[in-house]
Protein backbone atom coordinates (compact mmCIF):
# COMPACT_ATOMS: atom_id res chain seq x y z
CA MET A 1 -296.28 16.78 103.16
CA VAL A 2 -296.67 20.49 102.89
CA VAL A 3 -294.13 20.95 99.87
CA GLY A 4 -295.03 17.49 98.27
CA LYS A 5 -291.72 15.71 99.17
CA LEU A 6 -291.04 12.74 101.19
CA PRO A 7 -289.33 13.41 104.39
CA TYR A 8 -285.84 12.04 104.68
CA GLU A 9 -285.89 10.97 100.98
CA GLU A 10 -282.09 11.25 100.96
CA TYR A 11 -281.97 8.11 103.17
CA ILE A 12 -284.50 6.08 101.12
CA HIS A 13 -281.76 3.60 100.08
CA ASP A 14 -279.59 3.78 103.26
CA GLN A 15 -281.37 2.50 106.32
CA TYR A 16 -278.11 2.66 108.33
CA GLN A 17 -277.57 6.39 107.58
CA PHE A 18 -281.34 6.95 108.34
CA PHE A 19 -280.89 5.39 111.87
CA ALA A 20 -277.63 7.16 112.51
CA ASN A 21 -278.90 10.69 111.68
CA VAL A 22 -282.60 10.59 112.38
CA VAL A 23 -283.02 8.23 115.26
CA ALA A 24 -279.71 8.45 117.03
CA ASN A 25 -278.85 12.25 116.50
CA ALA A 26 -282.52 13.56 116.27
CA ALA A 27 -282.18 14.96 112.81
CA ARG A 28 -285.37 16.49 111.43
CA PRO A 29 -286.25 17.38 107.88
CA GLU A 30 -285.51 20.84 106.61
CA VAL A 31 -288.58 23.12 106.57
CA ALA A 32 -288.88 24.73 103.10
CA ASP A 33 -288.58 28.52 102.86
CA GLU A 34 -291.99 28.80 101.38
CA THR A 35 -293.51 26.94 104.31
CA THR A 36 -291.84 29.25 106.84
CA VAL A 37 -292.98 32.40 104.91
CA ASN A 38 -296.54 31.20 104.03
CA TYR A 39 -297.37 29.16 107.18
CA PRO A 40 -295.23 30.47 110.11
CA MET A 41 -297.68 29.05 112.76
CA LEU A 42 -297.64 25.60 111.08
CA THR A 43 -293.86 25.74 110.90
CA GLN A 44 -293.77 26.68 114.65
CA LEU A 45 -296.15 23.74 115.45
CA MET A 46 -294.12 21.21 113.40
CA VAL A 47 -290.93 22.24 115.14
CA LYS A 48 -292.56 21.73 118.62
CA CYS A 49 -293.95 18.37 117.58
CA TRP A 50 -290.39 17.31 116.61
CA ALA A 51 -289.11 18.04 120.17
CA GLN A 52 -286.74 15.34 121.42
CA ASP A 53 -288.39 15.29 124.80
CA PRO A 54 -291.93 13.94 124.36
CA THR A 55 -293.09 15.86 127.49
CA THR A 56 -292.55 19.33 125.67
CA ARG A 57 -294.38 18.30 122.54
CA PRO A 58 -297.84 20.01 122.09
CA SER A 59 -300.85 18.22 123.04
CA LEU A 60 -303.63 17.08 120.72
CA LEU A 61 -305.72 19.78 121.94
CA GLU A 62 -303.14 22.40 121.18
CA ILE A 63 -302.57 20.96 117.86
CA THR A 64 -306.18 20.92 116.82
CA SER A 65 -306.64 24.43 118.36
CA THR A 66 -303.72 25.89 116.41
CA LEU A 67 -304.75 24.31 113.15
CA SER A 68 -308.43 25.32 113.54
CA HIS A 69 -307.62 28.77 114.67
CA HIS A 70 -305.29 29.65 111.89
CA ASN A 71 -307.62 27.94 109.28
CA TYR A 72 -304.99 25.80 107.70
CA LYS A 73 -307.71 23.79 105.77
CA LYS A 74 -306.29 25.32 102.56
CA CYS A 75 -302.90 23.83 103.32
CA LEU A 76 -301.81 20.89 101.30
CA ILE A 77 -301.49 18.70 104.38
CA PHE A 78 -305.37 18.70 104.58
CA GLN A 79 -305.76 17.94 101.04
CA ILE A 80 -303.64 14.72 101.30
CA ILE A 81 -305.69 13.56 104.29
């Protein structure tokens, strides 16, 4: 959403590969270099949200606090929603 691409678009026509790589092996989308450079805190937050263990993922309060504190309202993700 941040870079305007569908996540896992390489699996759009292959559900088996999607399941094998994403569900079974916990593969995550690559974070674009421009996202890491321009939005380092957002990148860290995304990676935390992708944690395999749900108990280590950030709470909704932590997510909203991070987004509010770092004023990501100008980020593309908010323009889509």
